[in-house]
Amino acid sequence: MNARRPGGVWGVSPNLLRTREAGGIMSYLSRVGAIAWKDVIIEMRSKEILISMFTFAFLVMVIFNFAFELKVENLAALSPGVLWVAFLFAGVLGLSRSFIIEKDRGSLEGLMLAPVDRSAIYLGKLTSNLVFMVVVESIMLPIFTALYTAPALDLYVLLVVFLGTLGFAAVGTLFSAVAVNTRIRETMMPVLFLPVVVPVVIAAVKFTGAAMTGKVAPSMSWINLLLVFDVVFLALSFLAFEFVVEE
């Protein structure tokens, strides 16, 4: 009969056993991809997240366009803020649904019982959230260009959009897991999420405005801030996710 010790079989950490059983990094990545692909397939059938995010972002852009009556003289100053407000609020809407859908369908417990490391679940959900946000943004950027006659398809603008979106998704995926088990989960998610991503929003708005006006060189420090934020919070969220879902 095999002896058992606290902390797993023969005193070995359960996470370490799962990692060894997974067969290495390729198996780990395949499980991350499977979780992300599951979310993509479900979303392709329901369109629940994409339609709600697109509708919200589009309405924000249209309402701000009529509210500010943007002219040539104030276009450069206001349009980057409008763009990121639309992306931010649409992102909150999509990210908050990430784990709520799993909870409502009763599949969250099954996902937690899957023989994979918790970090693989985080990376899988992060990947699917990032895909959904990028899809919506790729549709909204040409619409924004048409409404505001701003060079939103510039390479520097696309770069800052991707870095900002990565920061949103990294933090939002973690906080979505935190909020899903609370009674006020729809309210808790933005309360936790928005204060943390303020540096991302400020840096993204500043650099987007600089890119649209051709003043990229003096504003590279904002890109550096985005890079640091993404790396730090991606690592922290990756490490903290297991403790969050175990509580």
Protein backbone atom coordinates (compact mmCIF):
# COMPACT_ATOMS: atom_id res chain seq x y z
CA MET A 1 0.00 0.00 0.00
CA ASN A 2 1.34 3.42 -0.95
CA ALA A 3 2.06 5.74 1.91
CA ARG A 4 0.60 9.20 1.77
CA ARG A 5 2.00 12.32 3.32
CA PRO A 6 0.58 15.82 3.74
CA GLY A 7 0.94 17.93 0.65
CA GLY A 8 0.39 15.12 -1.90
CA VAL A 9 1.62 11.65 -2.72
CA TRP A 10 4.95 10.93 -0.96
CA GLY A 11 5.05 14.55 0.11
CA VAL A 12 5.18 15.84 -3.50
CA SER A 13 3.22 19.00 -4.30
CA PRO A 14 0.01 18.28 -6.28
CA ASN A 15 0.92 21.11 -8.68
CA LEU A 16 4.30 19.50 -9.33
CA LEU A 17 2.62 16.15 -9.98
CA ARG A 18 0.21 17.75 -12.43
CA THR A 19 3.10 19.42 -14.22
CA ARG A 20 5.02 16.14 -14.55
CA GLU A 21 1.93 14.26 -15.68
CA ALA A 22 1.24 16.93 -18.28
CA GLY A 23 4.37 15.92 -20.15
CA GLY A 24 6.18 19.24 -20.18
CA ILE A 25 5.72 22.68 -21.61
CA MET A 26 4.10 21.60 -24.89
CA SER A 27 1.34 19.74 -23.08
CA TYR A 28 0.89 22.72 -20.76
CA LEU A 29 0.52 25.07 -23.73
CA SER A 30 -1.87 22.68 -25.44
CA ARG A 31 -4.11 22.80 -22.37
CA VAL A 32 -3.95 26.59 -22.33
CA GLY A 33 -4.96 26.55 -26.00
CA ALA A 34 -7.78 24.09 -25.34
CA ILE A 35 -9.29 26.35 -22.66
CA ALA A 36 -9.02 29.40 -24.91
CA TRP A 37 -10.43 27.51 -27.91
CA LYS A 38 -13.39 26.32 -25.81
CA ASP A 39 -14.28 29.94 -25.04
CA VAL A 40 -13.88 30.96 -28.68
CA ILE A 41 -16.12 28.12 -29.92
CA ILE A 42 -18.82 28.95 -27.36
CA GLU A 43 -18.66 32.64 -28.28
CA MET A 44 -18.87 31.85 -32.02
CA ARG A 45 -22.18 30.12 -31.31
CA SER A 46 -23.72 32.67 -28.95
CA LYS A 47 -22.02 35.98 -29.96
CA GLU A 48 -23.03 37.19 -26.47
CA ILE A 49 -19.77 38.92 -25.50
CA LEU A 50 -18.77 40.26 -28.92
CA ILE A 51 -22.15 41.81 -29.71
CA SER A 52 -22.48 43.48 -26.31
CA MET A 53 -18.91 44.84 -26.42
CA PHE A 54 -19.28 46.13 -29.98
CA THR A 55 -22.66 47.74 -29.32
CA PHE A 56 -21.40 49.49 -26.19
CA ALA A 57 -18.20 50.76 -27.83
CA PHE A 58 -20.06 51.97 -30.91
CA LEU A 59 -22.66 53.85 -28.86
CA VAL A 60 -19.95 55.52 -26.78
CA MET A 61 -18.17 56.77 -29.90
CA VAL A 62 -21.37 58.03 -31.54
CA ILE A 63 -22.63 59.77 -28.39
CA PHE A 64 -19.31 61.50 -27.75
CA ASN A 65 -19.14 62.56 -31.40
CA PHE A 66 -22.44 64.41 -31.13
CA ALA A 67 -21.90 65.61 -27.56
CA PHE A 68 -18.54 67.28 -28.21
CA GLU A 69 -19.23 68.32 -31.82
CA LEU A 70 -15.56 67.74 -32.52
CA LYS A 71 -13.93 70.26 -34.83
CA VAL A 72 -10.48 70.33 -36.34
CA GLU A 73 -9.14 72.52 -33.55
CA ASN A 74 -10.10 70.17 -30.68
CA LEU A 75 -10.06 66.86 -32.53
CA ALA A 76 -6.50 65.88 -31.60
CA ALA A 77 -7.03 66.72 -27.93
CA LEU A 78 -10.31 64.86 -27.40
CA SER A 79 -10.42 61.94 -29.83
CA PRO A 80 -7.79 59.76 -28.05
CA GLY A 81 -9.79 60.02 -24.83
CA VAL A 82 -13.00 59.06 -26.63
CA LEU A 83 -11.29 56.05 -28.19
CA TRP A 84 -9.98 54.72 -24.88
CA VAL A 85 -13.18 55.38 -22.95
CA ALA A 86 -14.98 53.23 -25.52
CA PHE A 87 -12.35 50.48 -25.30
CA LEU A 88 -12.23 50.63 -21.50
CA PHE A 89 -15.96 50.34 -20.90
CA ALA A 90 -16.40 47.68 -23.57
CA GLY A 91 -13.49 45.78 -22.03
CA VAL A 92 -15.07 45.91 -18.57
CA LEU A 93 -18.29 44.55 -20.03
CA GLY A 94 -16.54 41.66 -21.78
CA LEU A 95 -14.09 40.80 -19.02
CA SER A 96 -16.77 40.74 -16.34
CA ARG A 97 -18.61 38.07 -18.35
CA SER A 98 -15.52 35.87 -18.62
CA PHE A 99 -16.17 33.82 -15.47
CA ILE A 100 -19.84 34.75 -14.96
CA ILE A 101 -20.76 32.69 -18.03
CA GLU A 102 -18.87 29.71 -16.61
CA LYS A 103 -20.61 30.17 -13.25
CA ASP A 104 -24.10 30.52 -14.70
CA ARG A 105 -23.71 27.42 -16.86
CA GLY A 106 -22.38 25.37 -13.96
CA SER A 107 -19.10 24.66 -15.74
CA LEU A 108 -16.83 26.65 -13.42
CA GLU A 109 -16.56 23.82 -10.90
CA GLY A 110 -15.69 21.39 -13.67
CA LEU A 111 -13.04 23.74 -14.96
CA MET A 112 -11.50 24.00 -11.49
CA LEU A 113 -11.50 20.18 -11.18
CA ALA A 114 -9.72 19.68 -14.50
CA PRO A 115 -6.28 18.01 -14.14
CA VAL A 116 -4.38 21.13 -15.13
CA ASP A 117 -2.44 23.71 -13.18
CA ARG A 118 -4.51 26.75 -12.21
CA SER A 119 -2.13 29.00 -14.12
CA ALA A 120 -3.12 27.22 -17.35
CA ILE A 121 -6.73 28.19 -16.68
CA TYR A 122 -5.68 31.80 -16.19
CA LEU A 123 -3.64 31.90 -19.39
CA GLY A 124 -6.43 30.22 -21.34
CA LYS A 125 -9.05 32.70 -20.14
CA LEU A 126 -6.61 35.58 -20.70
CA THR A 127 -6.03 34.45 -24.29
CA SER A 128 -9.73 34.20 -25.09
CA ASN A 129 -10.45 37.58 -23.48
CA LEU A 130 -7.61 39.13 -25.46
CA VAL A 131 -8.96 37.64 -28.68
CA PHE A 132 -12.46 39.01 -28.06
CA MET A 133 -11.17 42.48 -27.25
CA VAL A 134 -8.86 42.57 -30.28
CA VAL A 135 -11.71 41.49 -32.57
CA VAL A 136 -13.98 44.28 -31.31
CA GLU A 137 -11.18 46.85 -31.50
CA SER A 138 -10.27 45.84 -35.05
CA ILE A 139 -13.87 46.60 -36.05
CA MET A 140 -14.09 49.82 -34.06
CA LEU A 141 -10.85 51.42 -35.26
CA PRO A 142 -12.03 51.92 -38.88
CA ILE A 143 -15.36 53.23 -37.57
CA PHE A 144 -13.49 55.63 -35.29
CA THR A 145 -11.37 56.78 -38.23
CA ALA A 146 -14.51 57.52 -40.26
CA LEU A 147 -16.32 59.33 -37.43
CA TYR A 148 -13.42 61.41 -36.17
CA THR A 149 -11.22 61.64 -39.29
CA ALA A 150 -8.27 60.63 -37.10
CA PRO A 151 -5.34 58.39 -38.16
CA ALA A 152 -6.37 55.53 -35.87
CA LEU A 153 -4.87 52.89 -38.17
CA ASP A 154 -1.34 54.24 -37.76
CA LEU A 155 1.19 51.58 -36.73
CA TYR A 156 2.04 53.40 -33.49
CA VAL A 157 -1.65 53.63 -32.61
CA LEU A 158 -2.07 49.91 -33.27
CA LEU A 159 0.94 49.20 -31.05
CA VAL A 160 -0.42 51.18 -28.11
CA VAL A 161 -3.87 49.65 -28.58
CA PHE A 162 -2.41 46.15 -28.32
CA LEU A 163 -0.28 46.98 -25.25
CA GLY A 164 -3.19 48.69 -23.52
CA THR A 165 -5.52 45.82 -24.33
CA LEU A 166 -3.01 43.32 -22.96
CA GLY A 167 -2.87 45.27 -19.69
CA PHE A 168 -6.67 45.39 -19.50
CA ALA A 169 -7.00 41.66 -20.14
CA ALA A 170 -4.23 40.64 -17.72
CA VAL A 171 -5.77 42.52 -14.79
CA GLY A 172 -9.40 42.02 -15.79
CA THR A 173 -9.15 38.25 -16.06
CA LEU A 174 -7.87 38.03 -12.49
CA PHE A 175 -10.50 40.39 -11.08
CA SER A 176 -13.25 38.62 -13.00
CA ALA A 177 -12.30 35.44 -11.12
CA VAL A 178 -12.33 37.39 -7.85
CA ALA A 179 -15.75 38.95 -8.44
CA VAL A 180 -17.58 35.90 -9.80
CA ASN A 181 -18.22 34.39 -6.35
CA THR A 182 -19.53 37.61 -4.79
CA ARG A 183 -23.19 38.59 -4.58
CA ILE A 184 -22.56 41.90 -6.33
CA ARG A 185 -20.29 40.50 -9.02
CA GLU A 186 -21.44 42.90 -11.78
CA THR A 187 -20.62 45.86 -9.53
CA MET A 188 -17.53 44.41 -7.88
CA MET A 189 -15.65 43.86 -11.14
CA PRO A 190 -15.42 47.53 -12.25
CA VAL A 191 -14.83 48.68 -8.66
CA LEU A 192 -11.75 46.46 -8.44
CA PHE A 193 -10.63 46.81 -12.04
CA LEU A 194 -10.87 50.51 -12.91
CA PRO A 195 -8.56 51.96 -10.19
CA VAL A 196 -5.80 49.48 -11.08
CA VAL A 197 -5.81 50.21 -14.82
CA VAL A 198 -5.68 53.99 -14.45
CA PRO A 199 -1.94 54.03 -15.40
CA VAL A 200 -2.75 52.07 -18.56
CA VAL A 201 -5.51 54.47 -19.55
CA ILE A 202 -3.38 57.58 -18.94
CA ALA A 203 -0.36 56.19 -20.81
CA ALA A 204 -2.50 54.92 -23.69
CA VAL A 205 -4.36 58.21 -24.11
CA LYS A 206 -1.16 60.25 -23.99
CA PHE A 207 0.70 58.11 -26.51
CA THR A 208 -2.31 57.77 -28.81
CA GLY A 209 -2.62 61.55 -28.93
CA ALA A 210 1.11 61.86 -29.67
CA ALA A 211 0.90 59.23 -32.43
CA MET A 212 -2.08 60.94 -34.06
CA THR A 213 -0.23 64.28 -34.13
CA GLY A 214 3.11 62.86 -35.25
CA LYS A 215 4.94 63.53 -31.97
CA VAL A 216 5.97 59.98 -31.18
CA ALA A 217 9.62 60.47 -30.20
CA PRO A 218 9.04 62.70 -27.13
CA SER A 219 6.32 60.36 -25.87
CA MET A 220 8.12 57.00 -25.85
CA SER A 221 8.17 57.05 -22.04
CA TRP A 222 4.45 56.26 -22.13
CA ILE A 223 5.13 53.12 -24.14
CA ASN A 224 7.76 52.15 -21.59
CA LEU A 225 5.19 52.59 -18.83
CA LEU A 226 2.74 50.35 -20.67
CA LEU A 227 5.40 47.67 -21.15
CA VAL A 228 6.35 47.73 -17.47
CA PHE A 229 2.71 47.59 -16.39
CA ASP A 230 1.95 44.66 -18.70
CA VAL A 231 4.96 42.63 -17.56
CA VAL A 232 4.47 43.31 -13.84
CA PHE A 233 0.72 42.72 -13.68
CA LEU A 234 0.81 39.76 -16.02
CA ALA A 235 3.34 38.09 -13.72
CA LEU A 236 1.44 39.04 -10.54
CA SER A 237 -1.89 37.85 -11.94
CA PHE A 238 -0.31 34.60 -13.15
CA LEU A 239 1.06 33.90 -9.66
CA ALA A 240 -2.02 35.08 -7.73
CA PHE A 241 -4.68 33.31 -9.76
CA GLU A 242 -4.34 29.96 -7.98
CA PHE A 243 -4.84 31.58 -4.57
CA VAL A 244 -7.83 33.58 -5.86
CA VAL A 245 -9.75 30.60 -7.21
CA GLU A 246 -8.98 28.43 -4.19
CA GLU A 247 -10.64 30.89 -1.79
